[in-house]
């Protein structure tokens, strides 16, 4: 049995990655949505105590984020 030399496969052309181009209006929309989401998360985890909640005296939301409050160091009870 004879062995024939194997030539390497030709290299595929490498293209440079193109940056993501976002318009200023779309960037403002994403930034506004992110800030709103962050503020809501901060309210529900850090501020909402149940007694003066936007949902009245319902404690379901408070109990849902209860462990996160302790993990982040918020006083709870």
Protein backbone atom coordinates (compact mmCIF):
# COMPACT_ATOMS: atom_id res chain seq x y z
CA UNK A 1 0.00 0.00 0.00
CA UNK A 2 1.40 3.36 -0.93
CA UNK A 3 0.80 6.53 0.98
CA UNK A 4 0.06 9.68 -0.89
CA UNK A 5 0.74 13.07 0.66
CA UNK A 6 -2.42 14.91 1.58
CA UNK A 7 -2.46 18.59 0.83
CA UNK A 8 -4.23 20.83 3.33
CA UNK A 9 -7.62 22.19 2.39
CA UNK A 10 -7.58 25.77 1.18
CA UNK A 11 -8.29 28.25 3.96
CA UNK A 12 -11.64 29.97 3.86
CA UNK A 13 -11.52 33.73 3.56
CA UNK A 14 -11.81 35.41 6.94
CA UNK A 15 -14.14 38.37 7.13
CA UNK A 16 -14.00 40.96 9.87
CA UNK A 17 -17.06 41.10 12.13
CA UNK A 18 -19.25 44.08 11.47
CA UNK A 19 -20.38 46.18 14.43
CA UNK A 20 -24.04 46.38 15.33
CA UNK A 21 -25.38 49.70 14.07
CA UNK A 22 -28.35 51.06 16.02
CA UNK A 23 -30.08 54.34 15.34
CA UNK A 24 -30.17 56.99 18.06
CA UNK A 25 -33.96 56.70 18.38
CA UNK A 26 -33.79 52.94 18.86
CA UNK A 27 -30.93 53.31 21.36
CA UNK A 28 -32.99 55.81 23.38
CA UNK A 29 -35.94 53.43 23.36
CA UNK A 30 -33.79 50.52 24.62
CA UNK A 31 -32.16 52.72 27.25
CA UNK A 32 -35.53 53.99 28.47
CA UNK A 33 -36.94 50.46 28.67
CA UNK A 34 -33.89 49.22 30.54
CA UNK A 35 -34.06 52.09 33.05
CA UNK A 36 -37.80 51.52 33.58
CA UNK A 37 -37.24 47.79 34.13
CA UNK A 38 -34.42 48.52 36.58
CA UNK A 39 -36.53 50.99 38.54
CA UNK A 40 -39.42 48.53 38.74
CA UNK A 41 -37.09 45.76 39.89
CA UNK A 42 -35.59 48.09 42.51
CA UNK A 43 -39.06 49.05 43.76
CA UNK A 44 -40.36 45.50 44.01
CA UNK A 45 -37.22 44.08 45.64
CA UNK A 46 -36.05 47.02 47.71
CA UNK A 47 -38.95 49.30 48.56
CA UNK A 48 -42.25 47.40 48.46
CA UNK A 49 -42.97 46.25 52.01
CA UNK A 50 -46.52 45.08 51.46
CA UNK A 51 -48.21 47.52 53.87
CA UNK A 52 -47.86 50.56 51.58
CA UNK A 53 -47.71 48.57 48.38
CA UNK A 54 -49.19 49.74 45.09
CA UNK A 55 -51.21 46.52 45.29
CA UNK A 56 -52.74 47.30 48.68
CA UNK A 57 -52.36 44.88 51.56
CA UNK A 58 -51.56 41.88 49.33
CA UNK A 59 -48.32 40.26 50.51
CA UNK A 60 -47.81 37.83 47.60
CA UNK A 61 -45.27 40.04 45.84
CA UNK A 62 -43.43 40.74 49.07
CA UNK A 63 -43.15 37.04 49.85
CA UNK A 64 -42.05 36.29 46.27
CA UNK A 65 -38.98 38.56 46.54
CA UNK A 66 -38.43 37.99 50.27
CA UNK A 67 -35.21 35.97 49.96
CA UNK A 68 -33.78 38.39 47.40
CA UNK A 69 -34.31 41.20 49.90
CA UNK A 70 -32.24 39.40 52.52
CA UNK A 71 -29.59 38.40 49.98
CA UNK A 72 -29.15 42.05 48.94
CA UNK A 73 -29.08 43.26 52.55
CA UNK A 74 -32.42 45.10 52.68
CA UNK A 75 -34.06 45.14 56.11
CA UNK A 76 -37.31 43.32 55.90
CA UNK A 77 -38.75 42.47 59.31
